[in-house]
């Protein structure tokens, strides 16, 4: 059984968000438009992306605390502690961010998106389509 994996970022986030405490908890809670700046070698992988579609962006939440196992949801200490696997907390053993965003523009190897709450310079791991209902796949 393999116990270690190597992940290579495909790019990074460019955003006006730089302070974790000031960032919205979720992208649809006031995140500014942001960009995904991808590696030039990945241009062919972008070829079928379209403006106006939603995609899932996977990020590595590089400023997360990987030792955190329980949290107060949304940082609200009035709420009972929960295991991180039942929350969307960025602090977790493997801090992989999952973000549903809408593509606003594509220029060269930069994808402009809305609803991305990731901080500036967050590594981007992958981009995946949002699946259509089963009959339309």
N, C-alpha and C. Protein backbone atom coordinates (compact mmCIF):
# COMPACT_ATOMS: atom_id res chain seq x y z
N UNK A 1 0.84 -1.19 0.00
CA UNK A 1 0.00 0.00 0.00
C UNK A 1 0.88 1.25 0.00
N UNK A 2 0.62 2.15 -0.92
CA UNK A 2 1.36 3.41 -0.99
C UNK A 2 0.88 4.32 0.14
N UNK A 3 1.82 4.93 0.85
CA UNK A 3 1.42 5.80 1.96
C UNK A 3 1.77 7.26 1.72
N UNK A 4 2.59 7.55 0.72
CA UNK A 4 2.92 8.93 0.39
C UNK A 4 2.64 9.17 -1.08
N UNK A 5 2.18 10.36 -1.39
CA UNK A 5 1.86 10.72 -2.76
C UNK A 5 2.51 12.05 -3.08
N UNK A 6 2.86 12.22 -4.33
CA UNK A 6 3.41 13.49 -4.77
C UNK A 6 2.37 14.19 -5.62
N UNK A 7 2.06 15.41 -5.25
CA UNK A 7 1.10 16.22 -6.00
C UNK A 7 1.83 17.44 -6.52
N UNK A 8 1.65 17.71 -7.80
CA UNK A 8 2.28 18.87 -8.41
C UNK A 8 1.20 19.89 -8.73
N UNK A 9 1.26 21.08 -8.15
CA UNK A 9 0.27 22.11 -8.49
C UNK A 9 0.29 22.41 -9.99
N UNK A 10 -0.89 22.71 -10.52
CA UNK A 10 -1.00 23.07 -11.94
C UNK A 10 -0.97 24.59 -12.12
N UNK A 11 -1.00 25.31 -11.04
CA UNK A 11 -1.00 26.77 -11.08
C UNK A 11 -1.27 27.32 -9.70
N UNK A 12 -1.74 28.57 -9.67
CA UNK A 12 -2.02 29.22 -8.40
C UNK A 12 -3.17 30.21 -8.56
N UNK A 13 -3.71 30.60 -7.43
CA UNK A 13 -4.80 31.57 -7.37
C UNK A 13 -4.21 32.98 -7.33
N UNK A 14 -4.83 33.87 -8.09
CA UNK A 14 -4.54 35.30 -7.96
C UNK A 14 -5.82 35.95 -7.46
N UNK A 15 -5.75 36.56 -6.29
CA UNK A 15 -6.93 37.11 -5.64
C UNK A 15 -6.53 38.31 -4.79
N UNK A 16 -7.51 39.17 -4.53
CA UNK A 16 -7.27 40.27 -3.59
C UNK A 16 -7.35 39.77 -2.15
N UNK A 17 -7.79 38.54 -1.95
CA UNK A 17 -7.86 37.98 -0.60
C UNK A 17 -6.47 37.53 -0.16
N UNK A 18 -5.99 38.10 0.93
CA UNK A 18 -4.68 37.70 1.44
C UNK A 18 -4.72 37.38 2.93
N UNK A 19 -5.76 37.82 3.61
CA UNK A 19 -5.88 37.62 5.05
C UNK A 19 -6.96 36.57 5.30
N UNK A 20 -6.56 35.45 5.83
CA UNK A 20 -7.50 34.35 6.06
C UNK A 20 -8.68 34.77 6.93
N UNK A 21 -8.43 35.58 7.95
CA UNK A 21 -9.50 35.99 8.86
C UNK A 21 -10.51 36.91 8.18
N UNK A 22 -10.10 37.61 7.13
CA UNK A 22 -10.99 38.53 6.42
C UNK A 22 -11.69 37.87 5.23
N UNK A 23 -11.27 36.67 4.87
CA UNK A 23 -11.86 35.98 3.71
C UNK A 23 -13.23 35.41 4.07
N UNK A 24 -14.16 35.37 3.10
CA UNK A 24 -15.45 34.74 3.37
C UNK A 24 -15.27 33.25 3.62
N UNK A 25 -16.16 32.66 4.38
CA UNK A 25 -16.08 31.22 4.69
C UNK A 25 -16.34 30.36 3.45
N UNK A 26 -17.23 30.83 2.58
CA UNK A 26 -17.55 30.12 1.34
C UNK A 26 -17.53 31.13 0.19
N UNK A 27 -17.31 30.65 -1.01
CA UNK A 27 -17.20 31.53 -2.16
C UNK A 27 -18.43 32.35 -2.45
N UNK A 28 -19.61 31.79 -2.17
CA UNK A 28 -20.85 32.51 -2.47
C UNK A 28 -21.26 33.45 -1.34
N UNK A 29 -20.33 33.70 -0.42
CA UNK A 29 -20.59 34.62 0.69
C UNK A 29 -19.76 35.89 0.56
N UNK A 30 -19.58 36.36 -0.67
CA UNK A 30 -18.92 37.63 -0.89
C UNK A 30 -17.49 37.57 -1.39
N UNK A 31 -17.07 36.44 -1.93
CA UNK A 31 -15.70 36.35 -2.46
C UNK A 31 -15.57 37.23 -3.70
N UNK A 32 -14.45 37.95 -3.82
CA UNK A 32 -14.24 38.76 -5.03
C UNK A 32 -13.90 37.84 -6.21
N UNK A 33 -14.06 38.34 -7.42
CA UNK A 33 -13.61 37.58 -8.58
C UNK A 33 -12.12 37.32 -8.42
N UNK A 34 -11.66 36.20 -8.94
CA UNK A 34 -10.25 35.81 -8.81
C UNK A 34 -9.81 35.16 -10.11
N UNK A 35 -8.53 34.84 -10.19
CA UNK A 35 -8.00 34.18 -11.38
C UNK A 35 -7.25 32.93 -11.00
N UNK A 36 -7.29 31.97 -11.90
CA UNK A 36 -6.48 30.77 -11.81
C UNK A 36 -5.39 30.92 -12.86
N UNK A 37 -4.17 31.05 -12.45
CA UNK A 37 -3.06 31.21 -13.38
C UNK A 37 -2.41 29.83 -13.53
N UNK A 38 -2.59 29.20 -14.69
CA UNK A 38 -2.11 27.84 -14.89
C UNK A 38 -0.77 27.80 -15.59
N UNK A 39 -0.08 26.70 -15.40
CA UNK A 39 1.20 26.46 -16.04
C UNK A 39 1.01 26.42 -17.56
N UNK A 40 1.89 27.07 -18.28
CA UNK A 40 1.81 27.15 -19.75
C UNK A 40 1.74 25.76 -20.41
N UNK A 41 2.42 24.79 -19.85
CA UNK A 41 2.44 23.45 -20.43
C UNK A 41 1.07 22.78 -20.40
N UNK A 42 0.14 23.31 -19.61
CA UNK A 42 -1.19 22.71 -19.47
C UNK A 42 -2.23 23.33 -20.40
N UNK A 43 -1.82 24.20 -21.29
CA UNK A 43 -2.75 24.84 -22.23
C UNK A 43 -3.67 23.83 -22.92
N UNK A 44 -3.17 22.69 -23.42
CA UNK A 44 -4.07 21.73 -24.08
C UNK A 44 -5.18 21.20 -23.16
N UNK A 45 -4.92 21.13 -21.87
CA UNK A 45 -5.92 20.64 -20.92
C UNK A 45 -7.08 21.61 -20.74
N UNK A 46 -6.87 22.86 -21.13
CA UNK A 46 -7.89 23.92 -20.97
C UNK A 46 -8.81 24.02 -22.18
N UNK A 47 -8.53 23.33 -23.24
CA UNK A 47 -9.14 23.64 -24.54
C UNK A 47 -10.65 23.58 -24.59
N UNK A 48 -11.30 22.78 -23.78
CA UNK A 48 -12.76 22.67 -23.85
C UNK A 48 -13.49 23.40 -22.72
N UNK A 49 -12.75 24.16 -21.93
CA UNK A 49 -13.41 24.98 -20.90
C UNK A 49 -14.14 26.12 -21.59
N UNK A 50 -15.30 26.49 -21.03
CA UNK A 50 -16.12 27.53 -21.65
C UNK A 50 -16.55 28.57 -20.63
N UNK A 51 -16.53 29.82 -21.06
CA UNK A 51 -17.03 30.92 -20.25
C UNK A 51 -18.50 30.65 -19.92
N UNK A 52 -18.87 30.91 -18.68
CA UNK A 52 -20.26 30.74 -18.25
C UNK A 52 -20.54 29.39 -17.61
N UNK A 53 -19.60 28.45 -17.68
CA UNK A 53 -19.83 27.15 -17.07
C UNK A 53 -19.25 27.12 -15.65
N UNK A 54 -19.78 26.21 -14.87
CA UNK A 54 -19.27 25.98 -13.52
C UNK A 54 -18.29 24.82 -13.56
N UNK A 55 -17.22 24.95 -12.76
CA UNK A 55 -16.24 23.89 -12.61
C UNK A 55 -15.91 23.74 -11.13
N UNK A 56 -15.32 22.62 -10.79
CA UNK A 56 -14.83 22.38 -9.45
C UNK A 56 -13.32 22.60 -9.47
N UNK A 57 -12.84 23.47 -8.60
CA UNK A 57 -11.41 23.73 -8.49
C UNK A 57 -10.93 23.09 -7.19
N UNK A 58 -9.88 22.29 -7.30
CA UNK A 58 -9.26 21.68 -6.13
C UNK A 58 -7.99 22.47 -5.82
N UNK A 59 -7.84 22.88 -4.57
CA UNK A 59 -6.67 23.64 -4.17
C UNK A 59 -5.99 22.96 -2.99
N UNK A 60 -4.75 23.34 -2.76
CA UNK A 60 -4.03 22.92 -1.56
C UNK A 60 -4.02 24.11 -0.62
N UNK A 61 -4.74 23.99 0.49
CA UNK A 61 -4.88 25.09 1.44
C UNK A 61 -3.60 25.17 2.27
N UNK A 62 -2.58 25.76 1.68
CA UNK A 62 -1.22 25.72 2.20
C UNK A 62 -1.03 26.45 3.53
N UNK A 63 -1.97 27.25 3.95
CA UNK A 63 -1.85 27.95 5.22
C UNK A 63 -2.70 27.31 6.32
N UNK A 64 -3.22 26.12 6.04
CA UNK A 64 -4.06 25.41 7.00
C UNK A 64 -3.22 24.75 8.09
N UNK A 65 -3.88 24.46 9.19
CA UNK A 65 -3.27 23.72 10.30
C UNK A 65 -3.61 22.24 10.09
N UNK A 66 -2.61 21.43 9.75
CA UNK A 66 -2.84 20.02 9.45
C UNK A 66 -3.01 19.16 10.69
N UNK A 67 -2.81 19.72 11.88
CA UNK A 67 -2.97 18.96 13.12
C UNK A 67 -4.38 19.07 13.70
N UNK A 68 -5.20 19.95 13.14
CA UNK A 68 -6.54 20.17 13.67
C UNK A 68 -7.46 19.01 13.29
N UNK A 69 -8.15 18.46 14.27
CA UNK A 69 -9.06 17.35 14.03
C UNK A 69 -10.51 17.68 14.40
N UNK A 70 -10.70 18.65 15.28
CA UNK A 70 -12.05 19.09 15.67
C UNK A 70 -12.09 20.61 15.64
N UNK A 71 -13.24 21.14 15.27
CA UNK A 71 -13.41 22.60 15.17
C UNK A 71 -14.82 22.99 15.61
N UNK A 72 -14.97 24.26 15.95
CA UNK A 72 -16.30 24.84 16.11
C UNK A 72 -16.71 25.25 14.70
N UNK A 73 -17.80 24.72 14.14
CA UNK A 73 -18.20 25.08 12.77
C UNK A 73 -18.26 26.59 12.58
N UNK A 74 -17.68 27.02 11.45
CA UNK A 74 -17.64 28.42 11.04
C UNK A 74 -16.94 29.30 12.07
N UNK A 75 -16.11 28.69 12.95
CA UNK A 75 -15.37 29.45 13.95
C UNK A 75 -16.23 29.99 15.08
N UNK A 76 -17.48 29.54 15.16
CA UNK A 76 -18.42 30.02 16.16
C UNK A 76 -18.32 29.16 17.42
N UNK A 77 -17.69 29.70 18.45
CA UNK A 77 -17.48 28.93 19.67
C UNK A 77 -18.76 28.61 20.42
N UNK A 78 -19.87 29.18 20.02
CA UNK A 78 -21.17 28.84 20.62
C UNK A 78 -21.69 27.51 20.06
N UNK A 79 -21.13 27.10 18.92
CA UNK A 79 -21.53 25.83 18.32
C UNK A 79 -20.63 24.72 18.87
N UNK A 80 -21.19 23.51 19.05
CA UNK A 80 -20.38 22.42 19.61
C UNK A 80 -19.26 21.98 18.64
N UNK A 81 -18.19 21.46 19.24
CA UNK A 81 -17.09 20.94 18.44
C UNK A 81 -17.56 19.80 17.55
N UNK A 82 -16.97 19.76 16.33
CA UNK A 82 -17.27 18.69 15.37
C UNK A 82 -15.97 18.21 14.76
N UNK A 83 -15.94 16.96 14.35
CA UNK A 83 -14.78 16.44 13.64
C UNK A 83 -14.67 17.13 12.29
N UNK A 84 -13.44 17.43 11.87
CA UNK A 84 -13.26 18.20 10.63
C UNK A 84 -13.83 17.49 9.40
N UNK A 85 -13.95 16.18 9.42
CA UNK A 85 -14.49 15.49 8.25
C UNK A 85 -15.99 15.73 8.06
N UNK A 86 -16.63 16.32 9.05
CA UNK A 86 -18.05 16.67 8.89
C UNK A 86 -18.22 18.18 8.71
N UNK A 87 -17.13 18.87 8.40
CA UNK A 87 -17.17 20.33 8.19
C UNK A 87 -16.43 20.68 6.91
N UNK A 88 -16.50 21.96 6.54
CA UNK A 88 -15.72 22.47 5.40
C UNK A 88 -14.52 23.27 5.89
N UNK A 89 -14.08 23.04 7.12
CA UNK A 89 -12.95 23.75 7.67
C UNK A 89 -11.71 23.57 6.79
N UNK A 90 -10.93 24.64 6.59
CA UNK A 90 -9.68 24.49 5.85
C UNK A 90 -8.62 23.75 6.68
N UNK A 91 -8.75 23.76 7.99
CA UNK A 91 -7.81 23.07 8.86
C UNK A 91 -8.20 21.60 8.95
N UNK A 92 -7.30 20.71 8.49
CA UNK A 92 -7.59 19.28 8.42
C UNK A 92 -6.31 18.55 8.05
N UNK A 93 -6.25 17.23 8.22
CA UNK A 93 -5.02 16.50 7.94
C UNK A 93 -4.48 16.69 6.51
N UNK A 94 -5.32 16.65 5.53
CA UNK A 94 -4.93 16.93 4.14
C UNK A 94 -5.80 18.08 3.67
N UNK A 95 -5.27 19.30 3.72
CA UNK A 95 -6.08 20.49 3.46
C UNK A 95 -6.35 20.74 1.97
N UNK A 96 -7.19 19.89 1.41
CA UNK A 96 -7.58 20.04 0.01
C UNK A 96 -8.85 20.89 -0.02
N UNK A 97 -8.79 21.99 -0.76
CA UNK A 97 -9.94 22.86 -0.91
C UNK A 97 -10.78 22.42 -2.10
N UNK A 98 -12.08 22.50 -1.95
CA UNK A 98 -13.04 22.13 -2.99
C UNK A 98 -13.92 23.34 -3.24
N UNK A 99 -13.87 23.89 -4.46
CA UNK A 99 -14.55 25.15 -4.75
C UNK A 99 -15.35 25.03 -6.05
N UNK A 100 -16.64 25.27 -5.97
CA UNK A 100 -17.45 25.35 -7.19
C UNK A 100 -17.44 26.80 -7.64
N UNK A 101 -16.92 27.05 -8.83
CA UNK A 101 -16.79 28.41 -9.34
C UNK A 101 -17.39 28.50 -10.74
N UNK A 102 -17.68 29.72 -11.16
CA UNK A 102 -18.15 29.97 -12.52
C UNK A 102 -17.04 30.64 -13.31
N UNK A 103 -16.82 30.16 -14.52
CA UNK A 103 -15.80 30.75 -15.39
C UNK A 103 -16.35 32.04 -15.99
N UNK A 104 -15.64 33.13 -15.76
CA UNK A 104 -16.04 34.45 -16.28
C UNK A 104 -15.30 34.80 -17.56
N UNK A 105 -14.06 34.38 -17.67
CA UNK A 105 -13.24 34.70 -18.84
C UNK A 105 -12.07 33.74 -18.90
N UNK A 106 -11.59 33.53 -20.12
CA UNK A 106 -10.39 32.72 -20.33
C UNK A 106 -9.49 33.51 -21.26
N UNK A 107 -8.28 33.78 -20.79
CA UNK A 107 -7.32 34.51 -21.61
C UNK A 107 -5.97 33.83 -21.45
N UNK A 108 -5.48 33.28 -22.54
CA UNK A 108 -4.21 32.58 -22.52
C UNK A 108 -4.34 31.44 -21.50
N UNK A 109 -3.49 31.37 -20.49
CA UNK A 109 -3.59 30.29 -19.49
C UNK A 109 -4.12 30.82 -18.16
N UNK A 110 -4.90 31.89 -18.22
CA UNK A 110 -5.53 32.45 -17.02
C UNK A 110 -7.04 32.31 -17.15
N UNK A 111 -7.64 31.77 -16.11
CA UNK A 111 -9.09 31.59 -16.06
C UNK A 111 -9.63 32.50 -14.97
N UNK A 112 -10.47 33.44 -15.35
CA UNK A 112 -11.10 34.36 -14.38
C UNK A 112 -12.36 33.68 -13.87
N UNK A 113 -12.56 33.66 -12.55
CA UNK A 113 -13.68 32.95 -11.95
C UNK A 113 -14.37 33.80 -10.89
N UNK A 114 -15.60 33.42 -10.57
CA UNK A 114 -16.31 34.03 -9.45
C UNK A 114 -16.60 32.97 -8.41
N UNK A 115 -16.78 33.41 -7.18
CA UNK A 115 -17.11 32.56 -6.03
C UNK A 115 -15.94 31.71 -5.55
N UNK A 116 -14.72 32.23 -5.64
CA UNK A 116 -13.55 31.52 -5.13
C UNK A 116 -13.03 32.25 -3.90
N UNK A 117 -13.11 31.58 -2.75
CA UNK A 117 -12.69 32.20 -1.48
C UNK A 117 -11.25 31.87 -1.11
N UNK A 118 -10.51 31.21 -1.98
CA UNK A 118 -9.11 30.87 -1.70
C UNK A 118 -8.24 32.13 -1.68
N UNK A 119 -7.22 32.08 -0.87
CA UNK A 119 -6.32 33.22 -0.71
C UNK A 119 -5.35 33.33 -1.89
N UNK A 120 -4.84 34.53 -2.09
CA UNK A 120 -3.85 34.78 -3.12
C UNK A 120 -2.66 33.83 -2.96
N UNK A 121 -2.20 33.29 -4.08
CA UNK A 121 -1.05 32.38 -4.17
C UNK A 121 -1.37 30.97 -3.66
N UNK A 122 -2.64 30.64 -3.41
CA UNK A 122 -2.99 29.27 -3.05
C UNK A 122 -2.71 28.37 -4.25
N UNK A 123 -2.02 27.24 -4.05
CA UNK A 123 -1.76 26.33 -5.15
C UNK A 123 -3.05 25.68 -5.67
N UNK A 124 -3.17 25.61 -7.00
CA UNK A 124 -4.29 24.93 -7.66
C UNK A 124 -3.82 23.53 -8.01
N UNK A 125 -4.60 22.52 -7.62
CA UNK A 125 -4.25 21.13 -7.88
C UNK A 125 -4.91 20.56 -9.12
N UNK A 126 -6.16 20.94 -9.37
CA UNK A 126 -6.90 20.37 -10.49
C UNK A 126 -8.16 21.17 -10.74
N UNK A 127 -8.72 20.97 -11.92
CA UNK A 127 -10.00 21.56 -12.31
C UNK A 127 -10.82 20.43 -12.90
N UNK A 128 -12.05 20.32 -12.47
CA UNK A 128 -12.94 19.24 -12.95
C UNK A 128 -14.29 19.82 -13.31
N UNK A 129 -14.97 19.20 -14.28
CA UNK A 129 -16.30 19.69 -14.64
C UNK A 129 -17.32 19.36 -13.56
N UNK A 130 -18.36 20.16 -13.49
CA UNK A 130 -19.53 19.82 -12.68
C UNK A 130 -20.34 18.86 -13.55
N UNK A 131 -20.65 17.71 -13.02
CA UNK A 131 -21.35 16.72 -13.82
C UNK A 131 -22.80 17.10 -14.08
N UNK A 132 -23.22 16.85 -15.30
CA UNK A 132 -24.62 17.02 -15.67
C UNK A 132 -25.41 15.85 -15.11
N UNK A 133 -26.75 15.97 -15.07
CA UNK A 133 -27.54 14.81 -14.65
C UNK A 133 -27.24 13.60 -15.52
N UNK A 134 -27.43 12.41 -14.99
CA UNK A 134 -27.05 11.17 -15.66
C UNK A 134 -27.51 11.09 -17.12
N UNK A 135 -28.76 11.42 -17.48
CA UNK A 135 -29.16 11.28 -18.89
C UNK A 135 -28.38 12.18 -19.85
N UNK A 136 -27.76 13.26 -19.35
CA UNK A 136 -27.05 14.20 -20.23
C UNK A 136 -25.56 13.98 -20.28
N UNK A 137 -25.03 12.99 -19.56
CA UNK A 137 -23.59 12.75 -19.56
C UNK A 137 -23.24 12.03 -20.82
